[in-house]
C-alpha atoms as a PDB file:
ATOM      1  CA  MET A   1      29.626  -1.135  -1.759  1.00  0.00           C
ATOM      2  CA  LEU A   2      27.539  -3.677   0.158  1.00  0.00           C
ATOM      3  CA  SER A   3      30.477  -4.582   2.400  1.00  0.00           C
ATOM      4  CA  ASN A   4      31.112  -0.898   3.107  1.00  0.00           C
ATOM      5  CA  ALA A   5      27.452  -0.351   3.968  1.00  0.00           C
ATOM      6  CA  ALA A   6      27.485  -3.387   6.257  1.00  0.00           C
ATOM      7  CA  ALA A   7      30.507  -2.026   8.119  1.00  0.00           C
ATOM      8  CA  ALA A   8      28.957   1.441   8.309  1.00  0.00           C
ATOM      9  CA  VAL A   9      25.638   0.303   9.740  1.00  0.00           C
ATOM     10  CA  GLY A  10      27.426  -1.658  12.471  1.00  0.00           C
ATOM     11  CA  SER A  11      29.085   1.497  13.794  1.00  0.00           C
ATOM     12  CA  GLN A  12      26.197   3.882  13.080  1.00  0.00           C
ATOM     13  CA  ARG A  13      24.288   5.629  15.875  1.00  0.00           C
ATOM     14  CA  SER A  14      20.915   7.325  15.691  1.00  0.00           C
ATOM     15  CA  GLY A  15      22.230  10.831  16.384  1.00  0.00           C
ATOM     16  CA  ALA A  16      25.297  10.558  14.150  1.00  0.00           C
ATOM     17  CA  ARG A  17      25.790  11.936  10.658  1.00  0.00           C
ATOM     18  CA  THR A  18      24.543   9.601   7.943  1.00  0.00           C
ATOM     19  CA  GLN A  19      26.848   7.878   5.439  1.00  0.00           C
ATOM     20  CA  LEU A  20      26.164   7.902   1.682  1.00  0.00           C
ATOM     21  CA  TYR A  21      27.144   5.467  -1.075  1.00  0.00           C
ATOM     22  CA  GLY A  22      26.435   6.565  -4.636  1.00  0.00           C
ATOM     23  CA  LEU A  23      25.160   4.098  -7.225  1.00  0.00           C
ATOM     24  CA  ALA A  24      25.881   6.212 -10.318  1.00  0.00           C
ATOM     25  CA  ASN A  25      28.970   4.235 -11.351  1.00  0.00           C
ATOM     26  CA  LEU A  26      27.368   0.820 -11.015  1.00  0.00           C
ATOM     27  CA  SER A  27      26.076  -1.226 -13.925  1.00  0.00           C
ATOM     28  CA  ASP A  28      22.401  -2.142 -14.252  1.00  0.00           C
ATOM     29  CA  PRO A  29      23.052  -5.739 -13.066  1.00  0.00           C
ATOM     30  CA  GLU A  30      24.942  -4.401 -10.045  1.00  0.00           C
ATOM     31  CA  ARG A  31      22.110  -2.015  -9.186  1.00  0.00           C
ATOM     32  CA  LYS A  32      19.626  -4.850  -9.579  1.00  0.00           C
ATOM     33  CA  LEU A  33      21.641  -7.006  -7.185  1.00  0.00           C
ATOM     34  CA  ILE A  34      21.694  -4.214  -4.602  1.00  0.00           C
ATOM     35  CA  GLY A  35      17.932  -3.883  -4.960  1.00  0.00           C
ATOM     36  CA  GLU A  36      17.498  -7.611  -4.370  1.00  0.00           C
ATOM     37  CA  VAL A  37      19.802  -7.618  -1.354  1.00  0.00           C
ATOM     38  CA  LEU A  38      18.286  -4.559   0.300  1.00  0.00           C
ATOM     39  CA  GLY A  39      14.644  -5.207  -0.592  1.00  0.00           C
ATOM     40  CA  GLU A  40      11.856  -2.931   0.624  1.00  0.00           C
ATOM     41  CA  GLY A  41      11.197  -2.302   4.293  1.00  0.00           C
ATOM     42  CA  GLU A  42       8.297  -0.712   6.146  1.00  0.00           C
ATOM     43  CA  VAL A  43       9.042   2.987   5.608  1.00  0.00           C
ATOM     44  CA  ALA A  44       8.733   4.803   2.277  1.00  0.00           C
ATOM     45  CA  GLY A  45       8.233   8.433   1.395  1.00  0.00           C
ATOM     46  CA  LEU A  46       8.585  11.440  -0.843  1.00  0.00           C
ATOM     47  CA  VAL A  47      10.356  14.763  -0.434  1.00  0.00           C
ATOM     48  CA  ALA A  48       9.268  17.674  -2.648  1.00  0.00           C
ATOM     49  CA  LEU A  49      12.294  19.720  -3.713  1.00  0.00           C
ATOM     50  CA  PRO A  50      12.416  23.416  -4.697  1.00  0.00           C
ATOM     51  CA  ASP A  51      13.085  22.645  -8.387  1.00  0.00           C
ATOM     52  CA  GLY A  52       9.841  20.681  -8.627  1.00  0.00           C
ATOM     53  CA  SER A  53      11.477  17.259  -8.545  1.00  0.00           C
ATOM     54  CA  LEU A  54      10.757  14.557  -5.995  1.00  0.00           C
ATOM     55  CA  ALA A  55      13.153  12.535  -3.901  1.00  0.00           C
ATOM     56  CA  GLN A  56      11.906   8.989  -3.420  1.00  0.00           C
ATOM     57  CA  ILE A  57      12.876   7.302  -0.162  1.00  0.00           C
ATOM     58  CA  GLN A  58      12.658   3.609   0.589  1.00  0.00           C
ATOM     59  CA  GLU A  59      13.896   1.910   3.720  1.00  0.00           C
ATOM     60  CA  SER A  60      15.445  -1.478   3.020  1.00  0.00           C
ATOM     61  CA  VAL A  61      14.495  -4.660   4.848  1.00  0.00           C
ATOM     62  CA  LEU A  62      17.460  -3.749   7.049  1.00  0.00           C
ATOM     63  CA  ALA A  63      16.419  -0.885   9.319  1.00  0.00           C
ATOM     64  CA  GLY A  64      18.734   2.093   9.018  1.00  0.00           C
ATOM     65  CA  ILE A  65      19.749   1.375   5.416  1.00  0.00           C
ATOM     66  CA  TRP A  66      17.857   3.473   2.870  1.00  0.00           C
ATOM     67  CA  ARG A  67      17.694   3.907  -0.887  1.00  0.00           C
ATOM     68  CA  VAL A  68      17.163   7.464  -2.107  1.00  0.00           C
ATOM     69  CA  ARG A  69      16.542   8.557  -5.691  1.00  0.00           C
ATOM     70  CA  ILE A  70      16.278  12.219  -6.669  1.00  0.00           C
ATOM     71  CA  GLY A  71      14.136  12.607  -9.774  1.00  0.00           C
ATOM     72  CA  THR A  72      14.004   9.699 -12.205  1.00  0.00           C
ATOM     73  CA  GLU A  73      17.657   9.312 -13.210  1.00  0.00           C
ATOM     74  CA  PRO A  74      19.569   6.294 -11.843  1.00  0.00           C
ATOM     75  CA  ALA A  75      22.636   8.563 -11.660  1.00  0.00           C
ATOM     76  CA  HIS A  76      20.929  10.426  -8.821  1.00  0.00           C
ATOM     77  CA  GLU A  77      20.396   7.356  -6.670  1.00  0.00           C
ATOM     78  CA  TYR A  78      22.319   6.395  -3.549  1.00  0.00           C
ATOM     79  CA  VAL A  79      22.260   4.205  -0.471  1.00  0.00           C
ATOM     80  CA  GLU A  80      22.293   6.012   2.870  1.00  0.00           C
ATOM     81  CA  VAL A  81      23.020   4.593   6.306  1.00  0.00           C
ATOM     82  CA  GLY A  82      21.474   6.455   9.237  1.00  0.00           C
ATOM     83  CA  ALA A  83      18.373   7.033  11.320  1.00  0.00           C
ATOM     84  CA  ILE A  84      16.658   8.859   8.423  1.00  0.00           C
ATOM     85  CA  PRO A  85      18.027  10.247   5.140  1.00  0.00           C
ATOM     86  CA  GLN A  86      19.465  13.738   5.556  1.00  0.00           C
ATOM     87  CA  ILE A  87      17.303  15.065   2.731  1.00  0.00           C
ATOM     88  CA  VAL A  88      14.276  14.575   5.007  1.00  0.00           C
ATOM     89  CA  ARG A  89      15.731  16.715   7.790  1.00  0.00           C
ATOM     90  CA  ARG A  90      17.037  19.381   5.400  1.00  0.00           C
ATOM     91  CA  ALA A  91      13.758  19.775   3.553  1.00  0.00           C
ATOM     92  CA  ALA A  92      11.740  19.889   6.769  1.00  0.00           C
ATOM     93  CA  THR A  93      14.038  22.647   8.054  1.00  0.00           C
ATOM     94  CA  ASP A  94      14.852  24.666   4.940  1.00  0.00           C
ATOM     95  CA  LEU A  95      11.543  24.477   3.058  1.00  0.00           C
ATOM     96  CA  THR A  96       9.142  25.400   5.857  1.00  0.00           C
ATOM     97  CA  SER A  97       8.150  28.614   7.605  1.00  0.00           C
ATOM     98  CA  ALA A  98       9.862  29.633  10.828  1.00  0.00           C
ATOM     99  CA  ASP A  99       6.660  30.979  12.365  1.00  0.00           C
ATOM    100  CA  LEU A 100       2.959  30.207  12.435  1.00  0.00           C
ATOM    101  CA  ALA A 101       0.647  33.067  11.500  1.00  0.00           C
ATOM    102  CA  ILE A 102      -2.685  32.740  13.284  1.00  0.00           C
ATOM    103  CA  GLY A 103      -5.616  34.356  11.536  1.00  0.00           C
ATOM    104  CA  ALA A 104      -9.165  34.949  12.710  1.00  0.00           C
ATOM    105  CA  ALA A 105     -11.041  31.699  13.234  1.00  0.00           C
ATOM    106  CA  PRO A 106     -14.072  31.089  10.999  1.00  0.00           C
ATOM    107  CA  ASP A 107     -17.641  31.097  12.253  1.00  0.00           C
ATOM    108  CA  GLY A 108     -18.454  27.890  14.074  1.00  0.00           C
ATOM    109  CA  ALA A 109     -14.931  27.279  15.355  1.00  0.00           C
ATOM    110  CA  MET A 110     -14.784  26.124  18.964  1.00  0.00           C
ATOM    111  CA  ASN A 111     -11.323  25.286  20.267  1.00  0.00           C
ATOM    112  CA  VAL A 112      -8.840  25.748  17.450  1.00  0.00           C
ATOM    113  CA  GLN A 113      -7.291  29.043  18.578  1.00  0.00           C
ATOM    114  CA  PRO A 114      -5.736  27.743  21.829  1.00  0.00           C
ATOM    115  CA  VAL A 115      -4.339  24.751  19.931  1.00  0.00           C
ATOM    116  CA  LEU A 116      -2.753  27.016  17.311  1.00  0.00           C
ATOM    117  CA  ALA A 117      -1.285  29.211  20.048  1.00  0.00           C
ATOM    118  CA  GLU A 118       0.193  26.122  21.736  1.00  0.00           C
ATOM    119  CA  ILE A 119       1.712  24.939  18.447  1.00  0.00           C
ATOM    120  CA  ARG A 120       3.246  28.345  17.752  1.00  0.00           C
ATOM    121  CA  GLU A 121       4.763  28.695  21.214  1.00  0.00           C
ATOM    122  CA  ARG A 122       6.164  25.159  21.282  1.00  0.00           C
ATOM    123  CA  ALA A 123       7.605  25.470  17.775  1.00  0.00           C
ATOM    124  CA  ARG A 124       9.323  28.755  18.648  1.00  0.00           C
ATOM    125  CA  VAL A 125      11.185  27.309  21.630  1.00  0.00           C
ATOM    126  CA  TRP A 126      11.966  23.798  20.385  1.00  0.00           C
ATOM    127  CA  ARG A 127      15.645  23.040  19.783  1.00  0.00           C
ATOM    128  CA  PHE A 128      17.448  19.922  18.585  1.00  0.00           C
ATOM    129  CA  GLY A 129      17.868  17.457  21.438  1.00  0.00           C
ATOM    130  CA  MET A 130      14.650  18.451  23.205  1.00  0.00           C
ATOM    131  CA  CYS A 131      11.818  15.941  23.550  1.00  0.00           C
ATOM    132  CA  ALA A 132       8.951  16.249  21.121  1.00  0.00           C
ATOM    133  CA  HIS A 133       5.725  17.834  22.326  1.00  0.00           C
ATOM    134  CA  VAL A 134       2.684  15.816  21.236  1.00  0.00           C
ATOM    135  CA  ILE A 135      -0.806  17.256  20.799  1.00  0.00           C
ATOM    136  CA  ASN A 136      -3.390  14.473  20.609  1.00  0.00           C
ATOM    137  CA  LEU A 137      -6.127  15.825  18.366  1.00  0.00           C
ATOM    138  CA  THR A 138      -8.139  12.628  18.795  1.00  0.00           C
ATOM    139  CA  LEU A 139      -8.801  13.471  22.448  1.00  0.00           C
ATOM    140  CA  LEU A 140      -9.536  17.172  21.983  1.00  0.00           C
ATOM    141  CA  PRO A 141     -13.086  18.514  21.494  1.00  0.00           C
ATOM    142  CA  MET A 142     -12.402  19.741  17.959  1.00  0.00           C
ATOM    143  CA  SER A 143     -15.194  20.319  15.449  1.00  0.00           C
ATOM    144  CA  VAL A 144     -14.900  19.700  11.721  1.00  0.00           C
ATOM    145  CA  ILE A 145     -14.507  23.465  11.305  1.00  0.00           C
ATOM    146  CA  ASP A 146     -11.724  23.504  13.908  1.00  0.00           C
ATOM    147  CA  LEU A 147      -9.804  20.725  12.178  1.00  0.00           C
ATOM    148  CA  ALA A 148     -10.203  22.300   8.746  1.00  0.00           C
ATOM    149  CA  PHE A 149      -8.914  25.664   9.993  1.00  0.00           C
ATOM    150  CA  LEU A 150      -6.057  23.957  11.821  1.00  0.00           C
ATOM    151  CA  GLN A 151      -4.994  22.213   8.618  1.00  0.00           C
ATOM    152  CA  GLN A 152      -5.335  25.446   6.649  1.00  0.00           C
ATOM    153  CA  SER A 153      -3.194  27.293   9.200  1.00  0.00           C
ATOM    154  CA  VAL A 154      -0.278  24.855   9.425  1.00  0.00           C
ATOM    155  CA  GLY A 155      -0.422  23.812   5.766  1.00  0.00           C
ATOM    156  CA  ASN A 156       1.431  20.953   4.112  1.00  0.00           C
ATOM    157  CA  GLY A 157       5.199  20.701   4.099  1.00  0.00           C
ATOM    158  CA  PRO A 158       7.617  18.996   1.697  1.00  0.00           C
ATOM    159  CA  VAL A 159       7.919  15.585   3.391  1.00  0.00           C
ATOM    160  CA  GLU A 160       5.545  12.628   3.563  1.00  0.00           C
ATOM    161  CA  LEU A 161       6.553   9.260   5.041  1.00  0.00           C
ATOM    162  CA  ILE A 162       4.395   6.143   5.212  1.00  0.00           C
ATOM    163  CA  PHE A 163       5.139   3.435   7.767  1.00  0.00           C
ATOM    164  CA  ARG A 164       3.458   0.084   7.142  1.00  0.00           C
ATOM    165  CA  GLY A 165       3.879  -2.161  10.130  1.00  0.00           C
ATOM    166  CA  TYR A 166       0.975  -3.170  12.327  1.00  0.00           C
ATOM    167  CA  GLY A 167      -1.488  -0.932  10.529  1.00  0.00           C
ATOM    168  CA  THR A 168      -0.353   2.216   8.746  1.00  0.00           C
ATOM    169  CA  CYS A 169       1.206   5.412  10.054  1.00  0.00           C
ATOM    170  CA  ARG A 170       1.523   8.570   7.966  1.00  0.00           C
ATOM    171  CA  VAL A 171       4.087  11.165   8.987  1.00  0.00           C
ATOM    172  CA  GLN A 172       3.864  14.493   7.170  1.00  0.00           C
ATOM    173  CA  ALA A 173       5.792  17.693   7.661  1.00  0.00           C
ATOM    174  CA  THR A 174       3.499  20.669   7.964  1.00  0.00           C
ATOM    175  CA  GLY A 175       4.324  24.031   6.460  1.00  0.00           C
ATOM    176  CA  ILE A 176       5.663  25.138   9.853  1.00  0.00           C
ATOM    177  CA  ARG A 177       9.201  24.215  10.865  1.00  0.00           C
ATOM    178  CA  ASN A 178       9.419  21.449  13.495  1.00  0.00           C
ATOM    179  CA  VAL A 179       5.685  20.702  13.344  1.00  0.00           C
ATOM    180  CA  TRP A 180       4.599  17.286  12.052  1.00  0.00           C
ATOM    181  CA  SER A 181       1.303  15.523  11.491  1.00  0.00           C
ATOM    182  CA  VAL A 182       1.401  11.897  12.683  1.00  0.00           C
ATOM    183  CA  GLN A 183      -1.676   9.796  11.944  1.00  0.00           C
ATOM    184  CA  PHE A 184      -2.291   6.110  12.623  1.00  0.00           C
ATOM    185  CA  PHE A 185      -4.805   4.093  10.589  1.00  0.00           C
ATOM    186  CA  ASN A 186      -6.466   0.731  11.148  1.00  0.00           C
ATOM    187  CA  SER A 187      -6.838  -2.033   8.563  1.00  0.00           C
ATOM    188  CA  THR A 188      -9.822  -0.269   6.954  1.00  0.00           C
ATOM    189  CA  ASP A 189      -7.892   3.029   6.644  1.00  0.00           C
ATOM    190  CA  ASP A 190      -9.852   4.808   9.361  1.00  0.00           C
ATOM    191  CA  ILE A 191      -7.829   7.211  11.521  1.00  0.00           C
ATOM    192  CA  ILE A 192      -7.484   5.792  15.025  1.00  0.00           C
ATOM    193  CA  LEU A 193      -4.954   8.312  16.355  1.00  0.00           C
ATOM    194  CA  ASP A 194      -4.436  11.838  15.023  1.00  0.00           C
ATOM    195  CA  THR A 195      -1.597  13.878  16.518  1.00  0.00           C
ATOM    196  CA  LEU A 196       0.625  16.852  15.878  1.00  0.00           C
ATOM    197  CA  GLU A 197       4.239  16.609  17.050  1.00  0.00           C
ATOM    198  CA  VAL A 198       6.442  19.616  17.674  1.00  0.00           C
ATOM    199  CA  GLY A 199      10.043  18.467  17.382  1.00  0.00           C
ATOM    200  CA  GLY A 200      12.430  16.726  15.017  1.00  0.00           C
ATOM    201  CA  VAL A 201      11.519  13.925  12.641  1.00  0.00           C
ATOM    202  CA  PRO A 202       9.014  11.787  14.620  1.00  0.00           C
ATOM    203  CA  ILE A 203      10.593   8.789  16.281  1.00  0.00           C
ATOM    204  CA  VAL A 204       8.225   6.333  14.586  1.00  0.00           C
ATOM    205  CA  ALA A 205      10.104   6.935  11.310  1.00  0.00           C
ATOM    206  CA  LEU A 206      13.633   6.720  12.737  1.00  0.00           C
ATOM    207  CA  ALA A 207      15.988   3.756  12.962  1.00  0.00           C
ATOM    208  CA  ALA A 208      17.242   3.267  16.530  1.00  0.00           C
ATOM    209  CA  ASP A 209      20.659   2.193  17.803  1.00  0.00           C
ATOM    210  CA  GLU A 210      19.560  -1.414  18.303  1.00  0.00           C
ATOM    211  CA  ASP A 211      18.306  -1.502  14.703  1.00  0.00           C
ATOM    212  CA  PHE A 212      21.777  -0.720  13.359  1.00  0.00           C
ATOM    213  CA  GLN A 213      23.450  -3.604  15.166  1.00  0.00           C
ATOM    214  CA  ASP A 214      20.755  -6.045  14.108  1.00  0.00           C
ATOM    215  CA  SER A 215      20.948  -4.837  10.503  1.00  0.00           C
ATOM    216  CA  ALA A 216      24.748  -5.195  10.456  1.00  0.00           C
ATOM    217  CA  GLU A 217      24.507  -8.843  11.490  1.00  0.00           C
ATOM    218  CA  ARG A 218      21.753  -9.613   9.003  1.00  0.00           C
ATOM    219  CA  MET A 219      23.593  -7.750   6.238  1.00  0.00           C
ATOM    220  CA  GLN A 220      26.658  -9.953   6.669  1.00  0.00           C
ATOM    221  CA  GLU A 221      24.485 -13.057   6.452  1.00  0.00           C
ATOM    222  CA  ILE A 222      22.780 -11.788   3.294  1.00  0.00           C
ATOM    223  CA  ILE A 223      26.084 -10.884   1.636  1.00  0.00           C
ATOM    224  CA  LYS A 224      27.412 -14.385   2.321  1.00  0.00           C
ATOM    225  CA  ALA A 225      24.274 -15.940   0.857  1.00  0.00           C
ATOM    226  CA  TYR A 226      24.414 -13.834  -2.326  1.00  0.00           C
ATOM    227  CA  LEU A 227      28.131 -13.494  -2.955  1.00  0.00           C
ATOM    228  CA  THR A 228      29.678 -16.748  -1.743  1.00  0.00           C
END
């Protein structure tokens, strides 16, 4: 399986269909070895599924190679090679609303209505392949009431991804299709950049083409170290 994954990641591209390798038929020692080889990278997350279960996502130390477990059973675990596991894209598309309903703003709101109108219009016209539209909430004159009503209006979606690199980034699907919350935190967990992105899965969470080639080379080195 590891050799197949190494070959797959070398030919993978960011916009291509992902490749899956099930772990159900492996023994516990074999699964443990795969866990040791792949390790844990900088991106992890959860996807809430319609049946109430959770899909756990963990990027390996090799960008573009992921471990995904649906529920708690090892039989529902697999390795996936690609920019992001497909379950993330499917949930963000299938389990969110196609339109944003804008209600009356509460007393004390200042600037939230134009922002909601911008989100709704951008989300309606966005199509796969278009660039993301970023709304920087940090720079907008938004009151606490504005931000609370904005959050209430877009809601929470089924996907949350945490990126731990230089500081922490949290990427969360909202309840509106193609609308994401992307927040960056400093070392004391204060928000230093708060944005909404209208588009596909935000690029900060995706493996890029250069990542796949680098991971393929490192994977071969790791396999040699473990298995020879």
